[in-house]
Amino acid sequence: MTQEFLQDAVVADLEQLFKGETMKNSAGVEREIRVFPQDLPIRAGADIEPEPDPVEEGLEAEQLEGQAPAEETKPEDVPEPYVIVRIPGGELPDQDTRQQVEAILVVCVCDPDPGRQGFRDALHIVNTILTHYGENGIVGRRYEVQYPIKWVTQEEDTHPYYFAGMALTFAAPAIFKEVPET
């Protein structure tokens, strides 16, 4: 057992869980909830507009027309809604015992509505995961969810983005010491 096998199993499990479930992203496009291992991929589009070149005095508008426009972020480049599956650590408490592996799930949704109810979408994802692992606590046919399962919502104001987090512990198969036969 390696930790990345567990991470891959949780990612695949959550992708299957959220298959077909959509929410709007920050570009206003309905998209399935995406699941990423460890962190978000680097976006293809530019997040920050490049600094404009200083315009020389007397430069005519016709001369500016030939310049390429700033690159825009495409709706498919926007990551939310998403769940990130992070593996921050674990513990092998003793020889020939099951390894305890920690997993942190980071949930992000976008809701630009001024009513600030995006936290409900984030909690919906958390509750879907809680229910799923409450009904079936085995992932990848070998990793067992341990209790307690913890969850939190954000305290800071990050409108229109809303975040929640979950802390899970999985019992992984024991690592046995190889002893030569005599």
C-alpha atoms as a PDB file:
ATOM      1  CA  MET A   1       0.000   0.000   0.000  1.00  0.00           C
ATOM      2  CA  THR A   2       1.268   3.403  -0.855  1.00  0.00           C
ATOM      3  CA  GLN A   3      -0.428   6.604   0.166  1.00  0.00           C
ATOM      4  CA  GLU A   4      -0.919   7.707  -3.430  1.00  0.00           C
ATOM      5  CA  PHE A   5      -2.929   4.518  -4.115  1.00  0.00           C
ATOM      6  CA  LEU A   6      -5.296   5.578  -1.335  1.00  0.00           C
ATOM      7  CA  GLN A   7      -5.447   9.122  -2.712  1.00  0.00           C
ATOM      8  CA  ASP A   8      -6.172   7.812  -6.224  1.00  0.00           C
ATOM      9  CA  ALA A   9      -8.882   5.500  -4.832  1.00  0.00           C
ATOM     10  CA  VAL A  10     -10.594   8.375  -2.963  1.00  0.00           C
ATOM     11  CA  VAL A  11     -10.409  10.628  -6.049  1.00  0.00           C
ATOM     12  CA  ALA A  12     -11.942   7.885  -8.241  1.00  0.00           C
ATOM     13  CA  ASP A  13     -14.602   7.156  -5.607  1.00  0.00           C
ATOM     14  CA  LEU A  14     -15.639  10.825  -5.349  1.00  0.00           C
ATOM     15  CA  GLU A  15     -15.610  11.272  -9.144  1.00  0.00           C
ATOM     16  CA  GLN A  16     -18.061   8.367  -9.363  1.00  0.00           C
ATOM     17  CA  LEU A  17     -20.143   9.775  -6.494  1.00  0.00           C
ATOM     18  CA  PHE A  18     -20.541  13.192  -8.162  1.00  0.00           C
ATOM     19  CA  LYS A  19     -20.878  11.923 -11.741  1.00  0.00           C
ATOM     20  CA  GLY A  20     -23.704  13.855 -13.376  1.00  0.00           C
ATOM     21  CA  GLU A  21     -24.147  16.319 -10.494  1.00  0.00           C
ATOM     22  CA  THR A  22     -23.628  19.876 -11.735  1.00  0.00           C
ATOM     23  CA  MET A  23     -23.333  23.356 -10.251  1.00  0.00           C
ATOM     24  CA  LYS A  24     -22.493  26.708 -11.810  1.00  0.00           C
ATOM     25  CA  ASN A  25     -18.890  27.845 -11.853  1.00  0.00           C
ATOM     26  CA  SER A  26     -17.610  31.424 -11.696  1.00  0.00           C
ATOM     27  CA  ALA A  27     -18.000  31.744 -15.485  1.00  0.00           C
ATOM     28  CA  GLY A  28     -21.737  31.013 -15.067  1.00  0.00           C
ATOM     29  CA  VAL A  29     -21.483  27.629 -16.799  1.00  0.00           C
ATOM     30  CA  GLU A  30     -23.048  24.435 -15.395  1.00  0.00           C
ATOM     31  CA  ARG A  31     -20.316  21.864 -14.838  1.00  0.00           C
ATOM     32  CA  GLU A  32     -19.831  18.608 -12.976  1.00  0.00           C
ATOM     33  CA  ILE A  33     -18.162  18.705  -9.585  1.00  0.00           C
ATOM     34  CA  ARG A  34     -14.503  17.990 -10.284  1.00  0.00           C
ATOM     35  CA  VAL A  35     -12.118  16.106  -7.996  1.00  0.00           C
ATOM     36  CA  PHE A  36      -8.376  16.796  -7.881  1.00  0.00           C
ATOM     37  CA  PRO A  37      -5.551  14.991  -6.043  1.00  0.00           C
ATOM     38  CA  GLN A  38      -3.469  17.170  -3.673  1.00  0.00           C
ATOM     39  CA  ASP A  39      -3.965  20.563  -5.364  1.00  0.00           C
ATOM     40  CA  LEU A  40      -5.569  22.403  -8.253  1.00  0.00           C
ATOM     41  CA  PRO A  41      -3.814  22.173 -11.602  1.00  0.00           C
ATOM     42  CA  ILE A  42      -2.295  25.396 -12.890  1.00  0.00           C
ATOM     43  CA  ARG A  43      -4.876  27.177 -15.017  1.00  0.00           C
ATOM     44  CA  ALA A  44      -4.336  27.461 -18.745  1.00  0.00           C
ATOM     45  CA  GLY A  45      -5.527  31.086 -18.925  1.00  0.00           C
ATOM     46  CA  ALA A  46      -3.863  34.119 -17.438  1.00  0.00           C
ATOM     47  CA  ASP A  47      -5.169  34.923 -13.949  1.00  0.00           C
ATOM     48  CA  ILE A  48      -3.723  38.410 -13.972  1.00  0.00           C
ATOM     49  CA  GLU A  49      -3.937  40.814 -16.839  1.00  0.00           C
ATOM     50  CA  PRO A  50      -0.482  41.617 -18.172  1.00  0.00           C
ATOM     51  CA  GLU A  51       0.852  45.092 -17.556  1.00  0.00           C
ATOM     52  CA  PRO A  52       0.107  47.248 -20.589  1.00  0.00           C
ATOM     53  CA  ASP A  53       3.098  48.662 -22.389  1.00  0.00           C
ATOM     54  CA  PRO A  54       3.457  52.390 -21.898  1.00  0.00           C
ATOM     55  CA  VAL A  55       1.815  54.184 -24.795  1.00  0.00           C
ATOM     56  CA  GLU A  56       3.993  56.710 -26.490  1.00  0.00           C
ATOM     57  CA  GLU A  57       2.498  60.136 -26.935  1.00  0.00           C
ATOM     58  CA  GLY A  58       1.121  60.692 -30.393  1.00  0.00           C
ATOM     59  CA  LEU A  59       0.462  56.979 -31.062  1.00  0.00           C
ATOM     60  CA  GLU A  60      -2.641  56.769 -33.206  1.00  0.00           C
ATOM     61  CA  ALA A  61      -5.606  54.463 -32.487  1.00  0.00           C
ATOM     62  CA  GLU A  62      -5.001  52.702 -35.813  1.00  0.00           C
ATOM     63  CA  GLN A  63      -1.553  51.660 -34.624  1.00  0.00           C
ATOM     64  CA  LEU A  64      -3.052  50.150 -31.417  1.00  0.00           C
ATOM     65  CA  GLU A  65      -5.614  48.094 -33.351  1.00  0.00           C
ATOM     66  CA  GLY A  66      -3.003  45.608 -34.571  1.00  0.00           C
ATOM     67  CA  GLN A  67      -2.060  44.537 -31.029  1.00  0.00           C
ATOM     68  CA  ALA A  68      -3.339  41.179 -29.759  1.00  0.00           C
ATOM     69  CA  PRO A  69      -6.070  41.418 -27.100  1.00  0.00           C
ATOM     70  CA  ALA A  70      -5.342  40.216 -23.570  1.00  0.00           C
ATOM     71  CA  GLU A  71      -5.922  36.474 -23.147  1.00  0.00           C
ATOM     72  CA  GLU A  72      -9.271  35.672 -21.522  1.00  0.00           C
ATOM     73  CA  THR A  73      -9.976  32.809 -19.152  1.00  0.00           C
ATOM     74  CA  LYS A  74     -12.252  30.282 -20.833  1.00  0.00           C
ATOM     75  CA  PRO A  75     -15.187  28.785 -18.882  1.00  0.00           C
ATOM     76  CA  GLU A  76     -13.619  25.312 -19.121  1.00  0.00           C
ATOM     77  CA  ASP A  77     -10.436  26.623 -17.437  1.00  0.00           C
ATOM     78  CA  VAL A  78     -12.341  27.652 -14.293  1.00  0.00           C
ATOM     79  CA  PRO A  79     -11.964  24.815 -11.749  1.00  0.00           C
ATOM     80  CA  GLU A  80     -14.987  25.179  -9.472  1.00  0.00           C
ATOM     81  CA  PRO A  81     -17.034  23.473  -8.268  1.00  0.00           C
ATOM     82  CA  TYR A  82     -14.383  21.102  -6.971  1.00  0.00           C
ATOM     83  CA  VAL A  83     -13.114  18.833  -4.218  1.00  0.00           C
ATOM     84  CA  ILE A  84      -9.385  18.527  -3.538  1.00  0.00           C
ATOM     85  CA  VAL A  85      -8.189  15.299  -1.895  1.00  0.00           C
ATOM     86  CA  ARG A  86      -5.021  15.973   0.120  1.00  0.00           C
ATOM     87  CA  ILE A  87      -2.966  13.400   2.001  1.00  0.00           C
ATOM     88  CA  PRO A  88      -1.099  15.445   4.656  1.00  0.00           C
ATOM     89  CA  GLY A  89       0.212  12.594   6.781  1.00  0.00           C
ATOM     90  CA  GLY A  90      -0.328   9.332   8.528  1.00  0.00           C
ATOM     91  CA  GLU A  91       0.985   6.990  11.164  1.00  0.00           C
ATOM     92  CA  LEU A  92       2.114   3.401  11.407  1.00  0.00           C
ATOM     93  CA  PRO A  93       1.464   2.880  15.134  1.00  0.00           C
ATOM     94  CA  ASP A  94       3.317  -0.401  15.471  1.00  0.00           C
ATOM     95  CA  GLN A  95       4.847  -3.192  13.462  1.00  0.00           C
ATOM     96  CA  ASP A  96       2.263  -5.474  11.790  1.00  0.00           C
ATOM     97  CA  THR A  97      -0.611  -3.040  12.492  1.00  0.00           C
ATOM     98  CA  ARG A  98      -2.813  -1.097  10.111  1.00  0.00           C
ATOM     99  CA  GLN A  99      -1.445   2.232   8.956  1.00  0.00           C
ATOM    100  CA  GLN A 100      -3.627   5.276   9.739  1.00  0.00           C
ATOM    101  CA  VAL A 101      -3.658   7.736   6.814  1.00  0.00           C
ATOM    102  CA  GLU A 102      -5.148  11.222   7.074  1.00  0.00           C
ATOM    103  CA  ALA A 103      -7.081  12.741   4.176  1.00  0.00           C
ATOM    104  CA  ILE A 104      -8.236  16.342   3.968  1.00  0.00           C
ATOM    105  CA  LEU A 105     -10.997  17.210   1.512  1.00  0.00           C
ATOM    106  CA  VAL A 106     -11.287  20.860   0.443  1.00  0.00           C
ATOM    107  CA  VAL A 107     -14.619  21.813  -1.155  1.00  0.00           C
ATOM    108  CA  CYS A 108     -15.082  24.979  -3.239  1.00  0.00           C
ATOM    109  CA  VAL A 109     -18.192  26.329  -4.945  1.00  0.00           C
ATOM    110  CA  CYS A 110     -18.995  29.696  -6.506  1.00  0.00           C
ATOM    111  CA  ASP A 111     -22.262  31.553  -5.953  1.00  0.00           C
ATOM    112  CA  PRO A 112     -22.250  35.235  -6.992  1.00  0.00           C
ATOM    113  CA  ASP A 113     -25.797  35.824  -5.699  1.00  0.00           C
ATOM    114  CA  PRO A 114     -25.759  38.712  -3.172  1.00  0.00           C
ATOM    115  CA  GLY A 115     -27.924  36.629  -0.812  1.00  0.00           C
ATOM    116  CA  ARG A 116     -24.700  34.799   0.185  1.00  0.00           C
ATOM    117  CA  GLN A 117     -26.182  31.318   0.289  1.00  0.00           C
ATOM    118  CA  GLY A 118     -23.279  29.541  -1.439  1.00  0.00           C
ATOM    119  CA  PHE A 119     -22.395  27.867   1.850  1.00  0.00           C
ATOM    120  CA  ARG A 120     -25.455  25.667   1.276  1.00  0.00           C
ATOM    121  CA  ASP A 121     -23.914  24.228  -1.905  1.00  0.00           C
ATOM    122  CA  ALA A 122     -20.630  23.574  -0.086  1.00  0.00           C
ATOM    123  CA  LEU A 123     -22.513  21.831   2.740  1.00  0.00           C
ATOM    124  CA  HIS A 124     -24.503  19.812   0.213  1.00  0.00           C
ATOM    125  CA  ILE A 125     -21.217  18.376  -1.096  1.00  0.00           C
ATOM    126  CA  VAL A 126     -20.016  17.696   2.476  1.00  0.00           C
ATOM    127  CA  ASN A 127     -23.280  15.935   3.367  1.00  0.00           C
ATOM    128  CA  THR A 128     -23.185  13.867   0.188  1.00  0.00           C
ATOM    129  CA  ILE A 129     -19.689  12.656   1.126  1.00  0.00           C
ATOM    130  CA  LEU A 130     -20.705  12.031   4.774  1.00  0.00           C
ATOM    131  CA  THR A 131     -23.713   9.979   3.695  1.00  0.00           C
ATOM    132  CA  HIS A 132     -21.657   8.047   1.141  1.00  0.00           C
ATOM    133  CA  TYR A 133     -18.933   7.047   3.592  1.00  0.00           C
ATOM    134  CA  GLY A 134     -21.511   6.394   6.322  1.00  0.00           C
ATOM    135  CA  GLU A 135     -23.245   3.875   4.068  1.00  0.00           C
ATOM    136  CA  ASN A 136     -20.079   2.384   2.584  1.00  0.00           C
ATOM    137  CA  GLY A 137     -16.925   2.964   4.611  1.00  0.00           C
ATOM    138  CA  ILE A 138     -14.615   0.997   2.294  1.00  0.00           C
ATOM    139  CA  VAL A 139     -12.673   2.724  -0.483  1.00  0.00           C
ATOM    140  CA  GLY A 140     -10.732   0.883  -3.145  1.00  0.00           C
ATOM    141  CA  ARG A 141     -11.718  -2.480  -1.582  1.00  0.00           C
ATOM    142  CA  ARG A 142      -8.986  -2.124   1.050  1.00  0.00           C
ATOM    143  CA  TYR A 143      -9.108   1.252   2.830  1.00  0.00           C
ATOM    144  CA  GLU A 144     -11.552   1.605   5.724  1.00  0.00           C
ATOM    145  CA  VAL A 145     -12.944   4.964   6.868  1.00  0.00           C
ATOM    146  CA  GLN A 146     -12.360   5.533  10.601  1.00  0.00           C
ATOM    147  CA  TYR A 147     -14.492   7.678  12.891  1.00  0.00           C
ATOM    148  CA  PRO A 148     -14.839  10.475  13.767  1.00  0.00           C
ATOM    149  CA  ILE A 149     -15.255  12.215  10.417  1.00  0.00           C
ATOM    150  CA  LYS A 150     -14.800  15.958  10.932  1.00  0.00           C
ATOM    151  CA  TRP A 151     -16.015  18.827   8.778  1.00  0.00           C
ATOM    152  CA  VAL A 152     -15.841  22.630   8.905  1.00  0.00           C
ATOM    153  CA  THR A 153     -17.027  25.643   6.944  1.00  0.00           C
ATOM    154  CA  GLN A 154     -15.045  28.787   6.348  1.00  0.00           C
ATOM    155  CA  GLU A 155     -15.054  31.699   8.755  1.00  0.00           C
ATOM    156  CA  GLU A 156     -13.658  34.324   6.386  1.00  0.00           C
ATOM    157  CA  ASP A 157     -15.741  36.187   3.835  1.00  0.00           C
ATOM    158  CA  THR A 158     -14.619  34.994   0.402  1.00  0.00           C
ATOM    159  CA  HIS A 159     -17.844  35.747  -1.490  1.00  0.00           C
ATOM    160  CA  PRO A 160     -18.570  34.625  -4.224  1.00  0.00           C
ATOM    161  CA  TYR A 161     -16.416  31.568  -3.372  1.00  0.00           C
ATOM    162  CA  TYR A 162     -17.530  29.298  -0.531  1.00  0.00           C
ATOM    163  CA  PHE A 163     -15.336  26.649   1.071  1.00  0.00           C
ATOM    164  CA  ALA A 164     -15.769  23.677   3.380  1.00  0.00           C
ATOM    165  CA  GLY A 165     -13.347  21.059   4.583  1.00  0.00           C
ATOM    166  CA  MET A 166     -13.467  17.489   5.796  1.00  0.00           C
ATOM    167  CA  ALA A 167     -10.933  15.450   7.763  1.00  0.00           C
ATOM    168  CA  LEU A 168     -11.027  11.701   7.243  1.00  0.00           C
ATOM    169  CA  THR A 169      -8.793   8.963   8.558  1.00  0.00           C
ATOM    170  CA  PHE A 170      -8.417   5.699   6.673  1.00  0.00           C
ATOM    171  CA  ALA A 171      -7.094   2.405   8.019  1.00  0.00           C
ATOM    172  CA  ALA A 172      -4.798   0.985   5.370  1.00  0.00           C
ATOM    173  CA  PRO A 173      -3.567  -2.607   5.127  1.00  0.00           C
ATOM    174  CA  ALA A 174      -0.835  -3.597   7.542  1.00  0.00           C
ATOM    175  CA  ILE A 175       2.766  -3.782   6.436  1.00  0.00           C
ATOM    176  CA  PHE A 176       4.187  -7.145   7.413  1.00  0.00           C
ATOM    177  CA  LYS A 177       7.819  -7.786   8.144  1.00  0.00           C
ATOM    178  CA  GLU A 178       9.330 -10.266   5.726  1.00  0.00           C
ATOM    179  CA  VAL A 179      11.020 -13.100   7.541  1.00  0.00           C
ATOM    180  CA  PRO A 180      12.955 -15.699   5.585  1.00  0.00           C
ATOM    181  CA  GLU A 181      11.700 -19.259   6.020  1.00  0.00           C
ATOM    182  CA  THR A 182      14.070 -21.632   7.830  1.00  0.00           C
END
